[in-house]
Amino acid sequence: MPSRPFPAAHRFAALAALLAGLACAGGSTRVADPFAGATLVDLSHAFDAGTVFWPTETEGFVLERVFAGRTEGGSWYEANRFRSAEHGGTHLDAPVHFGEGRAAADAIPLERLAGPAVRIDVTAACAADPDHAVTIEELVAFEAAHGRIPDGAIVLIHTGWSRFWPDRAAYLGTAARGAEAVASLRFPGLSAEAARWLARERRVGAVGIDTASLDPGRSTAFEAHRELAAADVPGFENLTNLERLPARGFSVVALPMKIAGGSGGPLRAIAVVPGR
């Protein structure tokens, strides 16, 4: 299959057309459905008391009820407050998380957070080896089967690990919490070489994965994070529902909380899969 690059001036033409919901068909006043025929796939886990965080984050996600009931005027009213670490649940890793002077959460160009995407299925290798680190050879094999990864694409690494969520022991390799638990982490991720290849040879827009880290759980130097951060490539961690996506031919919109100076933040990500 020939390469299908997405030049900067045109890479969002399809997505822009999809989102042009104010266009009217045939001169009627009926608003056109921008997602007609498409399937929207939620790629984010909900945030709740069971949300999985890194073992060093001992509190997790906390939702506090402020008010729920009838007001003096008789109408219903609910309001809550929440607190959470930046890195937990489905979330963004901004380049500054592992790259000094790199983009913070609020400075990431939108072009890196929305656009054409590919899903690379490494579930078989990860089922055989929970410490599997995705290789360049696997990325090349994907291209041999599905065509070149376009420059600027959002690359989703499908390990199959989201099936264990929110079982911490199965998902992380340990249910323990605290700094001492980090040494027991076991789950798949990207090798440093594969991360470098995606950033430098394919100049990808972003990389997402359905595990707790872009690096394998046993990594101590976080080389994949560092390689991507050096190229200002953001990461999306703890994704879900990747098995519902094709290998290519779909788009992703991944919008994090816009935290000024943030190293990451909660992420609501969706995939838009056009109808066949």
Foldseek 3Di string as FASTA:
>chain_A
DEADAADPVGQCVLVVQLPPQQDDPPPDNDTDHSQVQKDKFWFFDDADQLWDFAQAPPRAKDKAWPDFDADPVGDTDTDIDIDHDQATGWKKQFLVNQDPPFDALQRQDQLLQKGWAFEQEPQVVCVVAFAAADDVVSVVVLCVVPNDDYAAHEYEYENVLLVCPPVCCSQQVDPHHRPVCLQRGTGYAHDLNNLLCCCPVRVYSEYEYQHSANHGSNDDPNNSSNNCSVSRHMYIYNTDPPVVDHRTQKMKHKRFDNDVRHSMHHITMMIIHHHD
